[in-house]
Amino acid sequence: MNTIKQKNKGGRPRKSVKRSCRLRVACTSLELKIIELKARQVQLTISEFLREAALNSQIVTREKTLPAAVLDFTGTLNHLAANINSLAYKNNSAQTFNAFERAELKQLAAQVKELAQAIKNSLQ
């Protein structure tokens, strides 16, 4: 029985999973030094360190929509600002306010106070 032996060419053995995809990361020189230092502290290469950090970290998703209460406050503030702006324009052009506009100013002042109280209550 003749068996042909393959000649051992030597060298590094092949890995079962070859990492052939490259990833480029842009950072400042300070960030690079920090990454190098942290990788050296845990005795990993930069590639191994970044791979471990990315694969073993937990992602915290950010809520992109604002709560309904905040949207309501924003809408009310925008409405009040528009009304106050138009009244301020009339005042700055040296026109006098009639009884309706004075009542509207009092109502706007009350709404601003109410809104400020609502904001204060929601923050406590």
PDB file of N, CA and C in Angstrom:
ATOM      1  N   MET A   1       0.817  -1.156   0.000  1.00  0.00           N
ATOM      2  CA  MET A   1       0.000   0.000   0.000  1.00  0.00           C
ATOM      3  C   MET A   1       0.878   1.242   0.000  1.00  0.00           C
ATOM      4  N   ASN A   2       0.746   1.967  -1.037  1.00  0.00           N
ATOM      5  CA  ASN A   2       1.542   3.183  -1.159  1.00  0.00           C
ATOM      6  C   ASN A   2       0.715   4.384  -0.720  1.00  0.00           C
ATOM      7  N   THR A   3       1.225   5.088   0.250  1.00  0.00           N
ATOM      8  CA  THR A   3       0.579   6.332   0.678  1.00  0.00           C
ATOM      9  C   THR A   3       1.524   7.466   0.346  1.00  0.00           C
ATOM     10  N   ILE A   4       0.938   8.452  -0.260  1.00  0.00           N
ATOM     11  CA  ILE A   4       1.749   9.606  -0.621  1.00  0.00           C
ATOM     12  C   ILE A   4       1.608  10.640   0.480  1.00  0.00           C
ATOM     13  N   LYS A   5       2.716  11.005   1.027  1.00  0.00           N
ATOM     14  CA  LYS A   5       2.709  12.006   2.088  1.00  0.00           C
ATOM     15  C   LYS A   5       2.824  13.392   1.451  1.00  0.00           C
ATOM     16  N   GLN A   6       1.992  14.284   1.921  1.00  0.00           N
ATOM     17  CA  GLN A   6       2.084  15.660   1.453  1.00  0.00           C
ATOM     18  C   GLN A   6       3.201  16.339   2.215  1.00  0.00           C
ATOM     19  N   LYS A   7       3.939  17.087   1.496  1.00  0.00           N
ATOM     20  CA  LYS A   7       5.053  17.789   2.102  1.00  0.00           C
ATOM     21  C   LYS A   7       4.515  18.974   2.905  1.00  0.00           C
ATOM     22  N   ASN A   8       4.948  19.105   4.135  1.00  0.00           N
ATOM     23  CA  ASN A   8       4.546  20.201   4.994  1.00  0.00           C
ATOM     24  C   ASN A   8       5.270  21.457   4.524  1.00  0.00           C
ATOM     25  N   LYS A   9       4.477  22.421   4.069  1.00  0.00           N
ATOM     26  CA  LYS A   9       5.081  23.650   3.548  1.00  0.00           C
ATOM     27  C   LYS A   9       5.438  24.615   4.668  1.00  0.00           C
ATOM     28  N   GLY A  10       4.991  24.333   5.882  1.00  0.00           N
ATOM     29  CA  GLY A  10       5.305  25.212   7.000  1.00  0.00           C
ATOM     30  C   GLY A  10       4.434  26.463   6.988  1.00  0.00           C
ATOM     31  N   GLY A  11       4.799  27.407   7.796  1.00  0.00           N
ATOM     32  CA  GLY A  11       4.035  28.652   7.854  1.00  0.00           C
ATOM     33  C   GLY A  11       2.925  28.594   8.883  1.00  0.00           C
ATOM     34  N   ARG A  12       2.185  29.643   8.898  1.00  0.00           N
ATOM     35  CA  ARG A  12       1.093  29.771   9.863  1.00  0.00           C
ATOM     36  C   ARG A  12      -0.100  28.939   9.405  1.00  0.00           C
ATOM     37  N   PRO A  13      -0.724  28.211  10.345  1.00  0.00           N
ATOM     38  CA  PRO A  13      -1.900  27.414   9.951  1.00  0.00           C
ATOM     39  C   PRO A  13      -3.077  28.316   9.582  1.00  0.00           C
ATOM     40  N   ARG A  14      -3.890  27.842   8.672  1.00  0.00           N
ATOM     41  CA  ARG A  14      -5.045  28.611   8.233  1.00  0.00           C
ATOM     42  C   ARG A  14      -6.083  28.688   9.348  1.00  0.00           C
ATOM     43  N   LYS A  15      -6.752  29.838   9.441  1.00  0.00           N
ATOM     44  CA  LYS A  15      -7.812  30.012  10.432  1.00  0.00           C
ATOM     45  C   LYS A  15      -9.105  29.460   9.852  1.00  0.00           C
ATOM     46  N   SER A  16      -9.964  28.959  10.735  1.00  0.00           N
ATOM     47  CA  SER A  16     -11.230  28.402  10.272  1.00  0.00           C
ATOM     48  C   SER A  16     -12.161  29.503   9.769  1.00  0.00           C
ATOM     49  N   VAL A  17     -12.115  30.660  10.410  1.00  0.00           N
ATOM     50  CA  VAL A  17     -12.929  31.793   9.982  1.00  0.00           C
ATOM     51  C   VAL A  17     -11.975  32.931   9.631  1.00  0.00           C
ATOM     52  N   LYS A  18     -11.887  33.199   8.344  1.00  0.00           N
ATOM     53  CA  LYS A  18     -10.983  34.237   7.889  1.00  0.00           C
ATOM     54  C   LYS A  18     -11.695  35.587   7.923  1.00  0.00           C
ATOM     55  N   ARG A  19     -11.052  36.569   8.508  1.00  0.00           N
ATOM     56  CA  ARG A  19     -11.605  37.928   8.575  1.00  0.00           C
ATOM     57  C   ARG A  19     -11.099  38.695   7.366  1.00  0.00           C
ATOM     58  N   SER A  20     -11.945  38.767   6.360  1.00  0.00           N
ATOM     59  CA  SER A  20     -11.530  39.385   5.112  1.00  0.00           C
ATOM     60  C   SER A  20     -12.155  40.760   4.880  1.00  0.00           C
ATOM     61  N   CYS A  21     -13.098  41.151   5.713  1.00  0.00           N
ATOM     62  CA  CYS A  21     -13.764  42.444   5.534  1.00  0.00           C
ATOM     63  C   CYS A  21     -13.036  43.499   6.345  1.00  0.00           C
ATOM     64  N   ARG A  22     -12.820  44.634   5.732  1.00  0.00           N
ATOM     65  CA  ARG A  22     -12.130  45.742   6.391  1.00  0.00           C
ATOM     66  C   ARG A  22     -13.141  46.801   6.792  1.00  0.00           C
ATOM     67  N   LEU A  23     -12.864  47.463   7.895  1.00  0.00           N
ATOM     68  CA  LEU A  23     -13.711  48.524   8.406  1.00  0.00           C
ATOM     69  C   LEU A  23     -12.809  49.700   8.732  1.00  0.00           C
ATOM     70  N   ARG A  24     -13.161  50.868   8.215  1.00  0.00           N
ATOM     71  CA  ARG A  24     -12.371  52.067   8.494  1.00  0.00           C
ATOM     72  C   ARG A  24     -13.112  52.921   9.514  1.00  0.00           C
ATOM     73  N   VAL A  25     -12.368  53.427  10.473  1.00  0.00           N
ATOM     74  CA  VAL A  25     -12.951  54.272  11.509  1.00  0.00           C
ATOM     75  C   VAL A  25     -12.161  55.576  11.531  1.00  0.00           C
ATOM     76  N   ALA A  26     -12.865  56.690  11.453  1.00  0.00           N
ATOM     77  CA  ALA A  26     -12.213  57.992  11.530  1.00  0.00           C
ATOM     78  C   ALA A  26     -12.237  58.479  12.975  1.00  0.00           C
ATOM     79  N   CYS A  27     -11.102  58.962  13.455  1.00  0.00           N
ATOM     80  CA  CYS A  27     -11.030  59.501  14.806  1.00  0.00           C
ATOM     81  C   CYS A  27      -9.910  60.531  14.863  1.00  0.00           C
ATOM     82  N   THR A  28      -9.883  61.278  15.934  1.00  0.00           N
ATOM     83  CA  THR A  28      -8.824  62.271  16.120  1.00  0.00           C
ATOM     84  C   THR A  28      -7.581  61.561  16.643  1.00  0.00           C
ATOM     85  N   SER A  29      -6.463  62.264  16.643  1.00  0.00           N
ATOM     86  CA  SER A  29      -5.234  61.647  17.146  1.00  0.00           C
ATOM     87  C   SER A  29      -5.348  61.348  18.638  1.00  0.00           C
ATOM     88  N   LEU A  30      -6.060  62.192  19.374  1.00  0.00           N
ATOM     89  CA  LEU A  30      -6.269  61.937  20.803  1.00  0.00           C
ATOM     90  C   LEU A  30      -7.110  60.680  21.008  1.00  0.00           C
ATOM     91  N   GLU A  31      -8.191  60.548  20.217  1.00  0.00           N
ATOM     92  CA  GLU A  31      -9.029  59.347  20.325  1.00  0.00           C
ATOM     93  C   GLU A  31      -8.232  58.095  19.979  1.00  0.00           C
ATOM     94  N   LEU A  32      -7.360  58.190  18.975  1.00  0.00           N
ATOM     95  CA  LEU A  32      -6.531  57.050  18.592  1.00  0.00           C
ATOM     96  C   LEU A  32      -5.607  56.648  19.740  1.00  0.00           C
ATOM     97  N   LYS A  33      -4.989  57.621  20.381  1.00  0.00           N
ATOM     98  CA  LYS A  33      -4.099  57.319  21.514  1.00  0.00           C
ATOM     99  C   LYS A  33      -4.859  56.654  22.653  1.00  0.00           C
ATOM    100  N   ILE A  34      -6.075  57.126  22.925  1.00  0.00           N
ATOM    101  CA  ILE A  34      -6.888  56.534  23.993  1.00  0.00           C
ATOM    102  C   ILE A  34      -7.253  55.100  23.647  1.00  0.00           C
ATOM    103  N   ILE A  35      -7.649  54.856  22.387  1.00  0.00           N
ATOM    104  CA  ILE A  35      -7.995  53.501  21.955  1.00  0.00           C
ATOM    105  C   ILE A  35      -6.777  52.592  22.046  1.00  0.00           C
ATOM    106  N   GLU A  36      -5.620  53.070  21.604  1.00  0.00           N
ATOM    107  CA  GLU A  36      -4.386  52.270  21.682  1.00  0.00           C
ATOM    108  C   GLU A  36      -4.049  51.934  23.125  1.00  0.00           C
ATOM    109  N   LEU A  37      -4.171  52.927  24.020  1.00  0.00           N
ATOM    110  CA  LEU A  37      -3.860  52.719  25.433  1.00  0.00           C
ATOM    111  C   LEU A  37      -4.788  51.685  26.057  1.00  0.00           C
ATOM    112  N   LYS A  38      -6.091  51.808  25.775  1.00  0.00           N
ATOM    113  CA  LYS A  38      -7.054  50.856  26.340  1.00  0.00           C
ATOM    114  C   LYS A  38      -6.820  49.447  25.793  1.00  0.00           C
ATOM    115  N   ALA A  39      -6.499  49.341  24.508  1.00  0.00           N
ATOM    116  CA  ALA A  39      -6.223  48.027  23.925  1.00  0.00           C
ATOM    117  C   ALA A  39      -4.982  47.413  24.561  1.00  0.00           C
ATOM    118  N   ARG A  40      -3.960  48.235  24.780  1.00  0.00           N
ATOM    119  CA  ARG A  40      -2.729  47.745  25.400  1.00  0.00           C
ATOM    120  C   ARG A  40      -2.979  47.292  26.835  1.00  0.00           C
ATOM    121  N   GLN A  41      -3.871  48.016  27.562  1.00  0.00           N
ATOM    122  CA  GLN A  41      -4.171  47.669  28.951  1.00  0.00           C
ATOM    123  C   GLN A  41      -4.808  46.291  29.066  1.00  0.00           C
ATOM    124  N   VAL A  42      -5.621  45.899  28.104  1.00  0.00           N
ATOM    125  CA  VAL A  42      -6.267  44.592  28.150  1.00  0.00           C
ATOM    126  C   VAL A  42      -5.543  43.571  27.269  1.00  0.00           C
ATOM    127  N   GLN A  43      -4.356  43.936  26.807  1.00  0.00           N
ATOM    128  CA  GLN A  43      -3.479  43.069  26.025  1.00  0.00           C
ATOM    129  C   GLN A  43      -4.159  42.526  24.773  1.00  0.00           C
ATOM    130  N   LEU A  44      -4.790  43.448  24.011  1.00  0.00           N
ATOM    131  CA  LEU A  44      -5.407  43.105  22.739  1.00  0.00           C
ATOM    132  C   LEU A  44      -4.855  44.024  21.668  1.00  0.00           C
ATOM    133  N   THR A  45      -4.954  43.574  20.428  1.00  0.00           N
ATOM    134  CA  THR A  45      -4.631  44.476  19.338  1.00  0.00           C
ATOM    135  C   THR A  45      -5.777  45.478  19.208  1.00  0.00           C
ATOM    136  N   ILE A  46      -5.538  46.540  18.460  1.00  0.00           N
ATOM    137  CA  ILE A  46      -6.591  47.534  18.274  1.00  0.00           C
ATOM    138  C   ILE A  46      -7.793  46.900  17.595  1.00  0.00           C
ATOM    139  N   SER A  47      -7.564  46.059  16.598  1.00  0.00           N
ATOM    140  CA  SER A  47      -8.668  45.393  15.899  1.00  0.00           C
ATOM    141  C   SER A  47      -9.467  44.516  16.850  1.00  0.00           C
ATOM    142  N   GLU A  48      -8.760  43.716  17.660  1.00  0.00           N
ATOM    143  CA  GLU A  48      -9.452  42.837  18.606  1.00  0.00           C
ATOM    144  C   GLU A  48     -10.226  43.660  19.639  1.00  0.00           C
ATOM    145  N   PHE A  49      -9.614  44.737  20.115  1.00  0.00           N
ATOM    146  CA  PHE A  49     -10.262  45.588  21.114  1.00  0.00           C
ATOM    147  C   PHE A  49     -11.544  46.208  20.564  1.00  0.00           C
ATOM    148  N   LEU A  50     -11.473  46.782  19.367  1.00  0.00           N
ATOM    149  CA  LEU A  50     -12.651  47.407  18.773  1.00  0.00           C
ATOM    150  C   LEU A  50     -13.728  46.380  18.458  1.00  0.00           C
ATOM    151  N   ARG A  51     -13.318  45.199  17.990  1.00  0.00           N
ATOM    152  CA  ARG A  51     -14.285  44.136  17.712  1.00  0.00           C
ATOM    153  C   ARG A  51     -14.994  43.716  18.993  1.00  0.00           C
ATOM    154  N   GLU A  52     -14.233  43.501  20.056  1.00  0.00           N
ATOM    155  CA  GLU A  52     -14.820  43.105  21.349  1.00  0.00           C
ATOM    156  C   GLU A  52     -15.743  44.195  21.879  1.00  0.00           C
ATOM    157  N   ALA A  53     -15.312  45.444  21.775  1.00  0.00           N
ATOM    158  CA  ALA A  53     -16.123  46.555  22.276  1.00  0.00           C
ATOM    159  C   ALA A  53     -17.433  46.646  21.501  1.00  0.00           C
ATOM    160  N   ALA A  54     -17.375  46.471  20.194  1.00  0.00           N
ATOM    161  CA  ALA A  54     -18.582  46.590  19.372  1.00  0.00           C
ATOM    162  C   ALA A  54     -19.514  45.397  19.563  1.00  0.00           C
ATOM    163  N   LEU A  55     -18.967  44.208  19.629  1.00  0.00           N
ATOM    164  CA  LEU A  55     -19.805  43.012  19.703  1.00  0.00           C
ATOM    165  C   LEU A  55     -20.372  42.763  21.096  1.00  0.00           C
ATOM    166  N   ASN A  56     -19.703  43.225  22.120  1.00  0.00           N
ATOM    167  CA  ASN A  56     -20.151  42.931  23.483  1.00  0.00           C
ATOM    168  C   ASN A  56     -20.799  44.122  24.184  1.00  0.00           C
ATOM    169  N   SER A  57     -20.960  45.229  23.486  1.00  0.00           N
ATOM    170  CA  SER A  57     -21.577  46.386  24.120  1.00  0.00           C
ATOM    171  C   SER A  57     -23.096  46.317  23.972  1.00  0.00           C
ATOM    172  N   GLN A  58     -23.783  47.057  24.830  1.00  0.00           N
ATOM    173  CA  GLN A  58     -25.236  47.117  24.762  1.00  0.00           C
ATOM    174  C   GLN A  58     -25.642  48.448  24.147  1.00  0.00           C
ATOM    175  N   ILE A  59     -26.597  48.393  23.265  1.00  0.00           N
ATOM    176  CA  ILE A  59     -27.087  49.580  22.591  1.00  0.00           C
ATOM    177  C   ILE A  59     -28.302  50.117  23.343  1.00  0.00           C
ATOM    178  N   VAL A  60     -28.276  51.405  23.649  1.00  0.00           N
ATOM    179  CA  VAL A  60     -29.413  52.058  24.284  1.00  0.00           C
ATOM    180  C   VAL A  60     -30.059  52.928  23.218  1.00  0.00           C
ATOM    181  N   THR A  61     -31.285  52.584  22.855  1.00  0.00           N
ATOM    182  CA  THR A  61     -31.957  53.361  21.819  1.00  0.00           C
ATOM    183  C   THR A  61     -32.466  54.663  22.400  1.00  0.00           C
ATOM    184  N   ARG A  62     -32.394  55.692  21.592  1.00  0.00           N
ATOM    185  CA  ARG A  62     -32.873  57.002  22.011  1.00  0.00           C
ATOM    186  C   ARG A  62     -34.282  57.194  21.511  1.00  0.00           C
ATOM    187  N   GLU A  63     -35.101  57.773  22.377  1.00  0.00           N
ATOM    188  CA  GLU A  63     -36.470  58.062  21.991  1.00  0.00           C
ATOM    189  C   GLU A  63     -36.450  59.314  21.123  1.00  0.00           C
ATOM    190  N   LYS A  64     -36.907  59.183  19.881  1.00  0.00           N
ATOM    191  CA  LYS A  64     -36.817  60.285  18.948  1.00  0.00           C
ATOM    192  C   LYS A  64     -38.034  61.199  18.992  1.00  0.00           C
ATOM    193  N   THR A  65     -39.146  60.722  19.527  1.00  0.00           N
ATOM    194  CA  THR A  65     -40.335  61.565  19.593  1.00  0.00           C
ATOM    195  C   THR A  65     -40.452  62.159  20.985  1.00  0.00           C
ATOM    196  N   LEU A  66     -40.929  63.358  21.023  1.00  0.00           N
ATOM    197  CA  LEU A  66     -41.121  64.026  22.307  1.00  0.00           C
ATOM    198  C   LEU A  66     -42.443  63.574  22.923  1.00  0.00           C
ATOM    199  N   PRO A  67     -42.516  63.568  24.240  1.00  0.00           N
ATOM    200  CA  PRO A  67     -43.779  63.211  24.900  1.00  0.00           C
ATOM    201  C   PRO A  67     -44.886  64.189  24.504  1.00  0.00           C
ATOM    202  N   ALA A  68     -46.111  63.725  24.563  1.00  0.00           N
ATOM    203  CA  ALA A  68     -47.267  64.533  24.163  1.00  0.00           C
ATOM    204  C   ALA A  68     -47.373  65.810  24.985  1.00  0.00           C
ATOM    205  N   ALA A  69     -47.052  65.739  26.272  1.00  0.00           N
ATOM    206  CA  ALA A  69     -47.140  66.923  27.129  1.00  0.00           C
ATOM    207  C   ALA A  69     -46.176  68.013  26.655  1.00  0.00           C
ATOM    208  N   VAL A  70     -44.975  67.605  26.248  1.00  0.00           N
ATOM    209  CA  VAL A  70     -43.991  68.581  25.765  1.00  0.00           C
ATOM    210  C   VAL A  70     -44.464  69.201  24.456  1.00  0.00           C
ATOM    211  N   LEU A  71     -45.042  68.383  23.590  1.00  0.00           N
ATOM    212  CA  LEU A  71     -45.565  68.916  22.330  1.00  0.00           C
ATOM    213  C   LEU A  71     -46.719  69.885  22.570  1.00  0.00           C
ATOM    214  N   ASP A  72     -47.570  69.572  23.527  1.00  0.00           N
ATOM    215  CA  ASP A  72     -48.665  70.481  23.877  1.00  0.00           C
ATOM    216  C   ASP A  72     -48.127  71.809  24.406  1.00  0.00           C
ATOM    217  N   PHE A  73     -47.136  71.734  25.308  1.00  0.00           N
ATOM    218  CA  PHE A  73     -46.530  72.955  25.840  1.00  0.00           C
ATOM    219  C   PHE A  73     -45.918  73.793  24.716  1.00  0.00           C
ATOM    220  N   THR A  74     -45.222  73.134  23.800  1.00  0.00           N
ATOM    221  CA  THR A  74     -44.587  73.845  22.699  1.00  0.00           C
ATOM    222  C   THR A  74     -45.618  74.534  21.822  1.00  0.00           C
ATOM    223  N   GLY A  75     -46.705  73.841  21.515  1.00  0.00           N
ATOM    224  CA  GLY A  75     -47.760  74.425  20.704  1.00  0.00           C
ATOM    225  C   GLY A  75     -48.392  75.634  21.376  1.00  0.00           C
ATOM    226  N   THR A  76     -48.653  75.499  22.666  1.00  0.00           N
ATOM    227  CA  THR A  76     -49.248  76.610  23.415  1.00  0.00           C
ATOM    228  C   THR A  76     -48.301  77.801  23.469  1.00  0.00           C
ATOM    229  N   LEU A  77     -47.026  77.528  23.709  1.00  0.00           N
ATOM    230  CA  LEU A  77     -46.047  78.615  23.746  1.00  0.00           C
ATOM    231  C   LEU A  77     -45.939  79.315  22.397  1.00  0.00           C
ATOM    232  N   ASN A  78     -45.942  78.554  21.312  1.00  0.00           N
ATOM    233  CA  ASN A  78     -45.876  79.160  19.981  1.00  0.00           C
ATOM    234  C   ASN A  78     -47.097  80.038  19.712  1.00  0.00           C
ATOM    235  N   HIS A  79     -48.265  79.570  20.123  1.00  0.00           N
ATOM    236  CA  HIS A  79     -49.492  80.344  19.938  1.00  0.00           C
ATOM    237  C   HIS A  79     -49.428  81.647  20.733  1.00  0.00           C
ATOM    238  N   LEU A  80     -49.007  81.534  21.996  1.00  0.00           N
ATOM    239  CA  LEU A  80     -48.890  82.727  22.837  1.00  0.00           C
ATOM    240  C   LEU A  80     -47.859  83.700  22.274  1.00  0.00           C
ATOM    241  N   ALA A  81     -46.748  83.168  21.794  1.00  0.00           N
ATOM    242  CA  ALA A  81     -45.700  84.031  21.246  1.00  0.00           C
ATOM    243  C   ALA A  81     -46.202  84.803  20.031  1.00  0.00           C
ATOM    244  N   ALA A  82     -46.980  84.155  19.173  1.00  0.00           N
ATOM    245  CA  ALA A  82     -47.514  84.839  17.995  1.00  0.00           C
ATOM    246  C   ALA A  82     -48.466  85.962  18.400  1.00  0.00           C
ATOM    247  N   ASN A  83     -49.331  85.693  19.366  1.00  0.00           N
ATOM    248  CA  ASN A  83     -50.264  86.726  19.837  1.00  0.00           C
ATOM    249  C   ASN A  83     -49.533  87.896  20.488  1.00  0.00           C
ATOM    250  N   ILE A  84     -48.574  87.584  21.318  1.00  0.00           N
ATOM    251  CA  ILE A  84     -47.819  88.637  22.000  1.00  0.00           C
ATOM    252  C   ILE A  84     -47.023  89.453  20.989  1.00  0.00           C
ATOM    253  N   ASN A  85     -46.473  88.788  19.978  1.00  0.00           N
ATOM    254  CA  ASN A  85     -45.697  89.486  18.955  1.00  0.00           C
ATOM    255  C   ASN A  85     -46.561  90.486  18.200  1.00  0.00           C
ATOM    256  N   SER A  86     -47.772  90.090  17.838  1.00  0.00           N
ATOM    257  CA  SER A  86     -48.639  91.017  17.100  1.00  0.00           C
ATOM    258  C   SER A  86     -49.052  92.197  17.975  1.00  0.00           C
ATOM    259  N   LEU A  87     -49.288  91.953  19.264  1.00  0.00           N
ATOM    260  CA  LEU A  87     -49.638  93.047  20.173  1.00  0.00           C
ATOM    261  C   LEU A  87     -48.438  93.962  20.424  1.00  0.00           C
ATOM    262  N   ALA A  88     -47.261  93.384  20.523  1.00  0.00           N
ATOM    263  CA  ALA A  88     -46.055  94.194  20.714  1.00  0.00           C
ATOM    264  C   ALA A  88     -45.790  95.052  19.483  1.00  0.00           C
ATOM    265  N   TYR A  89     -46.046  94.515  18.299  1.00  0.00           N
ATOM    266  CA  TYR A  89     -45.885  95.288  17.065  1.00  0.00           C
ATOM    267  C   TYR A  89     -46.796  96.512  17.078  1.00  0.00           C
ATOM    268  N   LYS A  90     -48.038  96.312  17.482  1.00  0.00           N
ATOM    269  CA  LYS A  90     -48.989  97.424  17.532  1.00  0.00           C
ATOM    270  C   LYS A  90     -48.557  98.451  18.570  1.00  0.00           C
ATOM    271  N   ASN A  91     -48.085  97.981  19.724  1.00  0.00           N
ATOM    272  CA  ASN A  91     -47.625  98.879  20.779  1.00  0.00           C
ATOM    273  C   ASN A  91     -46.408  99.674  20.331  1.00  0.00           C
ATOM    274  N   ASN A  92     -45.475  99.033  19.639  1.00  0.00           N
ATOM    275  CA  ASN A  92     -44.256  99.707  19.197  1.00  0.00           C
ATOM    276  C   ASN A  92     -44.519 100.714  18.079  1.00  0.00           C
ATOM    277  N   SER A  93     -45.629 100.546  17.375  1.00  0.00           N
ATOM    278  CA  SER A  93     -45.953 101.517  16.322  1.00  0.00           C
ATOM    279  C   SER A  93     -46.805 102.669  16.867  1.00  0.00           C
ATOM    280  N   ALA A  94     -46.836 102.803  18.182  1.00  0.00           N
ATOM    281  CA  ALA A  94     -47.497 103.895  18.894  1.00  0.00           C
ATOM    282  C   ALA A  94     -48.998 103.925  18.670  1.00  0.00           C
ATOM    283  N   GLN A  95     -49.589 102.755  18.474  1.00  0.00           N
ATOM    284  CA  GLN A  95     -51.046 102.680  18.372  1.00  0.00           C
ATOM    285  C   GLN A  95     -51.594 102.291  19.742  1.00  0.00           C
ATOM    286  N   THR A  96     -52.763 102.748  20.048  1.00  0.00           N
ATOM    287  CA  THR A  96     -53.350 102.432  21.358  1.00  0.00           C
ATOM    288  C   THR A  96     -54.171 101.153  21.264  1.00  0.00           C
ATOM    289  N   PHE A  97     -54.266 100.477  22.401  1.00  0.00           N
ATOM    290  CA  PHE A  97     -55.043  99.244  22.467  1.00  0.00           C
ATOM    291  C   PHE A  97     -56.507  99.570  22.733  1.00  0.00           C
ATOM    292  N   ASN A  98     -57.395  98.849  22.076  1.00  0.00           N
ATOM    293  CA  ASN A  98     -58.816  99.006  22.390  1.00  0.00           C
ATOM    294  C   ASN A  98     -59.170  98.064  23.534  1.00  0.00           C
ATOM    295  N   ALA A  99     -60.394  98.069  23.963  1.00  0.00           N
ATOM    296  CA  ALA A  99     -60.820  97.262  25.115  1.00  0.00           C
ATOM    297  C   ALA A  99     -60.640  95.769  24.850  1.00  0.00           C
ATOM    298  N   PHE A 100     -60.915  95.332  23.633  1.00  0.00           N
ATOM    299  CA  PHE A 100     -60.762  93.910  23.290  1.00  0.00           C
ATOM    300  C   PHE A 100     -59.300  93.486  23.403  1.00  0.00           C
ATOM    301  N   GLU A 101     -58.389  94.309  22.916  1.00  0.00           N
ATOM    302  CA  GLU A 101     -56.965  93.962  22.954  1.00  0.00           C
ATOM    303  C   GLU A 101     -56.434  93.970  24.380  1.00  0.00           C
ATOM    304  N   ARG A 102     -56.916  94.885  25.203  1.00  0.00           N
ATOM    305  CA  ARG A 102     -56.504  94.878  26.614  1.00  0.00           C
ATOM    306  C   ARG A 102     -56.993  93.604  27.309  1.00  0.00           C
ATOM    307  N   ALA A 103     -58.210  93.187  27.003  1.00  0.00           N
ATOM    308  CA  ALA A 103     -58.734  91.938  27.568  1.00  0.00           C
ATOM    309  C   ALA A 103     -57.917  90.742  27.067  1.00  0.00           C
ATOM    310  N   GLU A 104     -57.539  90.805  25.792  1.00  0.00           N
ATOM    311  CA  GLU A 104     -56.716  89.718  25.232  1.00  0.00           C
ATOM    312  C   GLU A 104     -55.357  89.657  25.918  1.00  0.00           C
ATOM    313  N   LEU A 105     -54.774  90.812  26.220  1.00  0.00           N
ATOM    314  CA  LEU A 105     -53.498  90.841  26.943  1.00  0.00           C
ATOM    315  C   LEU A 105     -53.626  90.208  28.321  1.00  0.00           C
ATOM    316  N   LYS A 106     -54.714  90.518  29.025  1.00  0.00           N
ATOM    317  CA  LYS A 106     -54.931  89.924  30.344  1.00  0.00           C
ATOM    318  C   LYS A 106     -55.086  88.413  30.235  1.00  0.00           C
ATOM    319  N   GLN A 107     -55.806  87.972  29.206  1.00  0.00           N
ATOM    320  CA  GLN A 107     -56.000  86.539  28.997  1.00  0.00           C
ATOM    321  C   GLN A 107     -54.668  85.860  28.669  1.00  0.00           C
ATOM    322  N   LEU A 108     -53.842  86.491  27.839  1.00  0.00           N
ATOM    323  CA  LEU A 108     -52.529  85.930  27.501  1.00  0.00           C
ATOM    324  C   LEU A 108     -51.642  85.837  28.735  1.00  0.00           C
ATOM    325  N   ALA A 109     -51.674  86.871  29.562  1.00  0.00           N
ATOM    326  CA  ALA A 109     -50.882  86.850  30.798  1.00  0.00           C
ATOM    327  C   ALA A 109     -51.326  85.700  31.696  1.00  0.00           C
ATOM    328  N   ALA A 110     -52.624  85.485  31.790  1.00  0.00           N
ATOM    329  CA  ALA A 110     -53.146  84.381  32.603  1.00  0.00           C
ATOM    330  C   ALA A 110     -52.712  83.032  32.030  1.00  0.00           C
ATOM    331  N   GLN A 111     -52.752  82.909  30.699  1.00  0.00           N
ATOM    332  CA  GLN A 111     -52.329  81.657  30.060  1.00  0.00           C
ATOM    333  C   GLN A 111     -50.852  81.387  30.292  1.00  0.00           C
ATOM    334  N   VAL A 112     -50.021  82.429  30.215  1.00  0.00           N
ATOM    335  CA  VAL A 112     -48.586  82.256  30.465  1.00  0.00           C
ATOM    336  C   VAL A 112     -48.350  81.796  31.896  1.00  0.00           C
ATOM    337  N   LYS A 113     -49.050  82.399  32.857  1.00  0.00           N
ATOM    338  CA  LYS A 113     -48.911  81.992  34.262  1.00  0.00           C
ATOM    339  C   LYS A 113     -49.360  80.545  34.455  1.00  0.00           C
ATOM    340  N   GLU A 114     -50.467  80.189  33.818  1.00  0.00           N
ATOM    341  CA  GLU A 114     -50.984  78.820  33.918  1.00  0.00           C
ATOM    342  C   GLU A 114     -50.004  77.823  33.318  1.00  0.00           C
ATOM    343  N   LEU A 115     -49.440  78.175  32.178  1.00  0.00           N
ATOM    344  CA  LEU A 115     -48.461  77.294  31.531  1.00  0.00           C
ATOM    345  C   LEU A 115     -47.212  77.148  32.370  1.00  0.00           C
ATOM    346  N   ALA A 116     -46.757  78.245  32.950  1.00  0.00           N
ATOM    347  CA  ALA A 116     -45.563  78.174  33.820  1.00  0.00           C
ATOM    348  C   ALA A 116     -45.829  77.285  35.025  1.00  0.00           C
ATOM    349  N   GLN A 117     -47.038  77.364  35.576  1.00  0.00           N
ATOM    350  CA  GLN A 117     -47.397  76.505  36.709  1.00  0.00           C
ATOM    351  C   GLN A 117     -47.460  75.039  36.291  1.00  0.00           C
ATOM    352  N   ALA A 118     -47.993  74.777  35.103  1.00  0.00           N
ATOM    353  CA  ALA A 118     -48.071  73.396  34.600  1.00  0.00           C
ATOM    354  C   ALA A 118     -46.671  72.819  34.381  1.00  0.00           C
ATOM    355  N   ILE A 119     -45.782  73.626  33.855  1.00  0.00           N
ATOM    356  CA  ILE A 119     -44.402  73.165  33.658  1.00  0.00           C
ATOM    357  C   ILE A 119     -43.761  72.880  35.010  1.00  0.00           C
ATOM    358  N   LYS A 120     -43.951  73.760  35.958  1.00  0.00           N
ATOM    359  CA  LYS A 120     -43.394  73.575  37.298  1.00  0.00           C
ATOM    360  C   LYS A 120     -43.932  72.299  37.944  1.00  0.00           C
ATOM    361  N   ASN A 121     -45.235  72.066  37.802  1.00  0.00           N
ATOM    362  CA  ASN A 121     -45.842  70.859  38.369  1.00  0.00           C
ATOM    363  C   ASN A 121     -45.325  69.587  37.713  1.00  0.00           C
ATOM    364  N   SER A 122     -45.097  69.630  36.408  1.00  0.00           N
ATOM    365  CA  SER A 122     -44.633  68.431  35.716  1.00  0.00           C
ATOM    366  C   SER A 122     -43.179  68.110  36.032  1.00  0.00           C
ATOM    367  N   LEU A 123     -42.410  69.112  36.438  1.00  0.00           N
ATOM    368  CA  LEU A 123     -41.001  68.884  36.770  1.00  0.00           C
ATOM    369  C   LEU A 123     -40.806  68.420  38.203  1.00  0.00           C
ATOM    370  N   GLN A 124     -41.827  68.535  39.026  1.00  0.00           N
ATOM    371  CA  GLN A 124     -41.695  68.118  40.430  1.00  0.00           C
ATOM    372  C   GLN A 124     -42.030  66.668  40.596  1.00  0.00           C
TER     373      GLN A 124
END
